Amino acid sequence: MAAVAIECEGLRVVFSQGGAKQTILDGLDLDVPLGQITTLLGPSGCGKSTLLRVIAGLTEPTSGTVRIEGQSVRASQHKLAFVFQESALLPWRSVWQNVRLPWELRQGLSGQELESRIQNVLDLVGFKGTDWHKKPHQLSGGMKMRASIARALITQPDILLLDEPFAALDDMLRSKLNDLLLRIVEQTKTTMLFVTHNISEAIYLSHSIAVFSQGTIGEQIAVDLPFPRNPQVRSSPEFAAYYGRLSESLIRNSTV
């Protein structure tokens, strides 16, 4: 049994607006295994992004607890990095300078050691040296997201939280970036918690998939497909069986 990277117990988030209260998370429990990709699957507005923000310490839960490798969220912030739907690159900075930014804010590494780390992480996400000094407006959507992932990885986080990072990309590009994430997990052993409403993407990426239901986890399904994954698995009978099972789970859990 894999060690647990993230433990969520009894998480409840209630937002108040105009005197009305809306329950987003309602007693949610979830364990995310160390060094694996766990995907949160569900329709828009079901609470997936809210859960990610609670784990990242960006939203305070109404009740319940989150532990990151046994520590409180506040004590473990250095272990986390977040990749949002938008690349959020600073337009006046080059790719290299955007990736460097987290270390500037932390006043951590400097000199040759930092330069070497930036180069290594840009190599990992597939940037050529000729692209390092381009500004965001000179990049495609896929390259912007690669730069955003590189920026998240530069501090060598133990856990990467990804909030539908490929939602705006076409299917071909999304597939390539899915392969990039799988390669990163294989090489770095980074734990990933990935949010999507795309069933095929969830199956292809994941070791396990948590299906949302009314503000909690309705079902968690282990994906027993071989690693490393390859594109051919998408056309396999096993993949189709998981697609059918998850489709049924989404329908069942959205109508409970």
Protein backbone atom coordinates (compact mmCIF):
# COMPACT_ATOMS: atom_id res chain seq x y z
CA MET A 1 0.00 0.00 0.00
CA ALA A 2 1.44 3.38 -1.06
CA ALA A 3 2.25 6.03 1.53
CA VAL A 4 -0.21 8.92 1.68
CA ALA A 5 0.85 12.39 0.50
CA ILE A 6 -2.42 14.26 1.15
CA GLU A 7 -5.09 13.39 3.73
CA CYS A 8 -8.44 15.17 3.72
CA GLU A 9 -10.86 14.39 6.55
CA GLY A 10 -14.39 15.72 6.91
CA LEU A 11 -13.77 18.79 4.75
CA ARG A 12 -16.67 21.18 4.67
CA VAL A 13 -16.72 24.51 2.83
CA VAL A 14 -19.74 26.80 3.06
CA PHE A 15 -19.81 30.14 1.23
CA SER A 16 -22.16 32.95 2.23
CA GLN A 17 -23.41 35.45 -0.33
CA GLY A 18 -26.20 37.96 0.16
CA GLY A 19 -27.39 36.19 3.29
CA ALA A 20 -27.67 32.83 1.51
CA LYS A 21 -25.35 29.93 2.27
CA GLN A 22 -24.01 27.49 -0.32
CA THR A 23 -22.32 24.24 0.67
CA ILE A 24 -19.48 23.45 -1.75
CA LEU A 25 -17.75 20.62 0.10
CA ASP A 26 -19.76 18.52 2.54
CA GLY A 27 -17.76 16.20 4.77
CA LEU A 28 -15.27 15.17 2.08
CA ASP A 29 -12.67 12.46 2.79
CA LEU A 30 -9.80 11.73 0.39
CA ASP A 31 -6.34 10.15 0.54
CA VAL A 32 -3.85 10.91 -2.24
CA PRO A 33 -1.04 8.32 -2.52
CA LEU A 34 2.58 9.46 -2.64
CA GLY A 35 4.25 9.60 -6.06
CA GLN A 36 1.07 8.93 -8.04
CA ILE A 37 -1.44 10.89 -10.13
CA THR A 38 -4.88 11.11 -8.55
CA THR A 39 -7.58 12.80 -10.62
CA LEU A 40 -10.66 14.64 -9.36
CA LEU A 41 -13.43 14.03 -11.90
CA GLY A 42 -16.78 15.74 -12.05
CA PRO A 43 -18.85 18.38 -13.85
CA SER A 44 -18.10 22.10 -13.63
CA GLY A 45 -19.16 23.62 -10.33
CA CYS A 46 -19.06 20.39 -8.30
CA GLY A 47 -16.28 21.56 -5.94
CA LYS A 48 -13.13 20.14 -7.56
CA SER A 49 -11.32 23.48 -7.78
CA THR A 50 -12.44 24.45 -4.28
CA LEU A 51 -10.87 21.27 -2.90
CA LEU A 52 -7.61 22.09 -4.66
CA ARG A 53 -7.64 25.61 -3.21
CA VAL A 54 -8.25 24.26 0.29
CA ILE A 55 -5.31 21.85 -0.05
CA ALA A 56 -3.13 24.72 -1.33
CA GLY A 57 -4.12 26.92 1.61
CA LEU A 58 -5.84 29.47 -0.64
CA THR A 59 -9.32 28.77 0.81
CA GLU A 60 -10.01 28.17 4.50
CA PRO A 61 -12.34 25.22 5.14
CA THR A 62 -15.40 25.77 7.31
CA SER A 63 -14.49 22.55 9.12
CA GLY A 64 -12.37 19.45 8.66
CA THR A 65 -8.63 18.95 8.27
CA VAL A 66 -5.97 18.61 5.58
CA ARG A 67 -2.55 17.11 6.21
CA ILE A 68 0.32 17.20 3.74
CA GLU A 69 2.70 14.34 4.43
CA GLY A 70 1.48 14.41 8.02
CA GLN A 71 1.79 18.19 8.47
CA SER A 72 -0.76 20.97 8.51
CA VAL A 73 -1.27 22.94 5.30
CA ARG A 74 0.38 26.03 6.80
CA ALA A 75 3.47 24.09 7.85
CA SER A 76 3.87 22.37 4.49
CA GLN A 77 3.50 25.15 1.92
CA HIS A 78 7.03 24.64 0.62
CA LYS A 79 6.01 21.15 -0.51
CA LEU A 80 3.27 22.39 -2.88
CA ALA A 81 3.06 24.04 -6.28
CA PHE A 82 -0.09 25.03 -8.18
CA VAL A 83 -0.78 25.07 -11.95
CA PHE A 84 -3.93 27.02 -12.83
CA GLN A 85 -6.20 26.88 -15.90
CA GLU A 86 -4.51 29.99 -17.27
CA SER A 87 -0.74 30.02 -17.62
CA ALA A 88 -0.59 33.40 -15.79
CA LEU A 89 2.85 34.22 -17.19
CA LEU A 90 4.07 37.77 -16.66
CA PRO A 91 3.92 39.32 -20.15
CA TRP A 92 7.02 41.50 -19.75
CA ARG A 93 9.24 38.59 -18.71
CA SER A 94 10.81 35.91 -20.90
CA VAL A 95 10.16 32.19 -20.43
CA TRP A 96 13.44 31.92 -18.51
CA GLN A 97 12.56 34.88 -16.29
CA ASN A 98 9.04 33.58 -15.61
CA VAL A 99 10.41 30.20 -14.55
CA ARG A 100 12.99 31.92 -12.35
CA LEU A 101 10.34 34.00 -10.53
CA PRO A 102 9.52 31.63 -7.62
CA TRP A 103 13.16 31.62 -6.55
CA GLU A 104 13.32 35.41 -6.72
CA LEU A 105 10.31 35.61 -4.42
CA ARG A 106 11.84 33.11 -2.00
CA GLN A 107 15.35 34.55 -2.22
CA GLY A 108 16.64 31.00 -2.40
CA LEU A 109 19.23 29.68 -4.84
CA SER A 110 21.30 32.01 -6.97
CA GLY A 111 24.16 31.93 -9.43
CA GLN A 112 25.17 28.88 -11.42
CA GLU A 113 23.18 26.40 -9.30
CA LEU A 114 19.92 28.23 -10.04
CA GLU A 115 20.77 28.70 -13.72
CA SER A 116 21.44 24.98 -14.02
CA ARG A 117 18.14 24.10 -12.33
CA ILE A 118 16.18 26.41 -14.66
CA GLN A 119 17.82 24.85 -17.70
CA ASN A 120 17.08 21.34 -16.44
CA VAL A 121 13.40 22.03 -15.82
CA LEU A 122 12.99 23.74 -19.20
CA ASP A 123 14.60 20.70 -20.82
CA LEU A 124 12.22 18.44 -18.89
CA VAL A 125 9.12 20.19 -20.27
CA GLY A 126 10.50 20.22 -23.81
CA PHE A 127 11.70 23.80 -24.37
CA LYS A 128 14.50 24.36 -26.85
CA GLY A 129 17.21 26.86 -26.02
CA THR A 130 15.96 29.13 -28.81
CA ASP A 131 12.67 29.55 -26.92
CA TRP A 132 14.06 30.42 -23.50
CA HIS A 133 14.10 34.16 -24.10
CA LYS A 134 10.74 34.48 -25.85
CA LYS A 135 7.98 36.55 -24.24
CA PRO A 136 4.53 35.02 -23.63
CA HIS A 137 2.98 36.71 -26.67
CA GLN A 138 5.46 34.79 -28.84
CA LEU A 139 4.35 31.41 -27.47
CA SER A 140 1.57 29.02 -28.49
CA GLY A 141 -1.02 27.95 -25.93
CA GLY A 142 0.80 24.68 -25.36
CA MET A 143 4.16 26.39 -24.88
CA LYS A 144 2.62 28.80 -22.36
CA MET A 145 1.31 25.87 -20.34
CA ARG A 146 4.70 24.11 -20.54
CA ALA A 147 6.28 27.27 -19.15
CA SER A 148 3.68 27.38 -16.38
CA ILE A 149 4.44 23.77 -15.44
CA ALA A 150 8.19 24.48 -15.50
CA ARG A 151 7.66 27.45 -13.18
CA ALA A 152 5.74 25.19 -10.77
CA LEU A 153 8.48 22.55 -10.84
CA ILE A 154 11.44 24.88 -10.34
CA THR A 155 11.19 24.71 -6.54
CA GLN A 156 11.15 20.90 -6.73
CA PRO A 157 7.78 20.50 -4.98
CA ASP A 158 6.72 17.18 -3.52
CA ILE A 159 3.13 17.76 -4.68
CA LEU A 160 1.78 19.42 -7.83
CA LEU A 161 -1.83 20.61 -7.88
CA LEU A 162 -3.25 21.09 -11.40
CA ASP A 163 -6.62 22.78 -11.95
CA GLU A 164 -7.79 21.80 -15.47
CA PRO A 165 -4.56 23.10 -17.02
CA PHE A 166 -5.34 21.75 -20.51
CA ALA A 167 -9.05 22.61 -20.71
CA ALA A 168 -8.58 25.32 -23.36
CA LEU A 169 -6.30 23.25 -25.62
CA ASP A 170 -7.22 21.08 -28.60
CA ASP A 171 -7.24 17.30 -28.23
CA MET A 172 -3.91 16.70 -29.97
CA LEU A 173 -2.06 19.21 -27.83
CA ARG A 174 -3.84 17.99 -24.70
CA SER A 175 -2.61 14.44 -25.45
CA LYS A 176 0.98 15.63 -25.81
CA LEU A 177 0.84 17.47 -22.49
CA ASN A 178 -0.73 14.44 -20.81
CA ASP A 179 2.35 12.50 -21.92
CA LEU A 180 4.52 15.29 -20.51
CA LEU A 181 2.91 14.93 -17.06
CA LEU A 182 3.38 11.17 -17.13
CA ARG A 183 7.04 11.65 -18.00
CA ILE A 184 7.47 14.15 -15.15
CA VAL A 185 5.97 11.74 -12.62
CA GLU A 186 8.19 8.94 -13.90
CA GLN A 187 11.35 11.04 -13.64
CA THR A 188 10.68 13.12 -10.51
CA LYS A 189 8.22 10.96 -8.49
CA THR A 190 6.16 14.11 -7.88
CA THR A 191 2.69 13.48 -6.44
CA MET A 192 -0.01 15.07 -8.63
CA LEU A 193 -3.62 15.92 -7.87
CA PHE A 194 -5.23 16.71 -11.21
CA VAL A 195 -8.65 18.27 -11.85
CA THR A 196 -10.60 17.58 -15.04
CA HIS A 197 -14.09 16.87 -16.35
CA ASN A 198 -12.67 14.93 -19.32
CA ILE A 199 -13.13 11.18 -18.76
CA SER A 200 -10.53 10.04 -21.32
CA GLU A 201 -7.91 12.37 -19.88
CA ALA A 202 -8.63 11.12 -16.37
CA ILE A 203 -8.21 7.47 -17.38
CA TYR A 204 -5.04 8.03 -19.39
CA LEU A 205 -3.27 10.01 -16.68
CA SER A 206 -4.35 8.44 -13.45
CA HIS A 207 -3.40 5.81 -10.97
CA SER A 208 -6.80 6.48 -9.37
CA ILE A 209 -9.84 8.67 -10.05
CA ALA A 210 -12.06 10.27 -7.40
CA VAL A 211 -15.59 10.94 -8.72
CA PHE A 212 -17.36 13.88 -7.08
CA SER A 213 -20.88 13.57 -5.70
CA GLN A 214 -22.80 16.37 -3.99
CA GLY A 215 -19.74 18.01 -2.43
CA THR A 216 -17.98 14.81 -1.45
CA ILE A 217 -16.30 11.80 -3.11
CA GLY A 218 -18.94 9.40 -4.38
CA GLU A 219 -16.53 6.75 -5.60
CA GLN A 220 -12.79 6.26 -6.00
CA ILE A 221 -11.70 3.97 -8.83
CA ALA A 222 -8.19 2.51 -9.23
CA VAL A 223 -7.00 2.53 -12.85
CA ASP A 224 -5.23 -0.78 -13.39
CA LEU A 225 -3.60 0.00 -16.73
CA PRO A 226 0.15 -0.56 -17.22
CA PHE A 227 2.77 2.14 -16.76
CA PRO A 228 4.41 3.72 -18.62
CA ARG A 229 1.24 4.61 -20.52
CA ASN A 230 1.29 4.88 -24.30
CA PRO A 231 -1.25 6.34 -26.76
CA GLN A 232 -2.27 2.85 -27.96
CA VAL A 233 -3.93 2.15 -24.62
CA ARG A 234 -6.68 4.63 -25.54
CA SER A 235 -8.05 2.17 -28.12
CA SER A 236 -7.88 -0.88 -25.86
CA PRO A 237 -10.95 -2.76 -24.55
CA GLU A 238 -9.74 -2.10 -20.99
CA PHE A 239 -9.73 1.67 -21.61
CA ALA A 240 -13.26 1.46 -23.04
CA ALA A 241 -14.40 -0.48 -19.99
CA TYR A 242 -13.05 2.19 -17.65
CA TYR A 243 -14.75 4.87 -19.77
CA GLY A 244 -18.09 3.10 -19.42
CA ARG A 245 -17.66 2.57 -15.69
CA LEU A 246 -16.73 6.22 -15.07
CA SER A 247 -19.58 7.49 -17.25
CA GLU A 248 -22.03 5.46 -15.19
CA SER A 249 -20.42 6.65 -11.96
CA LEU A 250 -20.71 10.30 -12.99
CA ILE A 251 -24.40 9.86 -13.85
CA ARG A 252 -25.12 7.95 -10.65
CA ASN A 253 -23.26 10.37 -8.38
CA SER A 254 -24.65 13.52 -9.99
CA THR A 255 -28.22 12.40 -9.31
CA VAL A 256 -27.85 11.12 -5.74
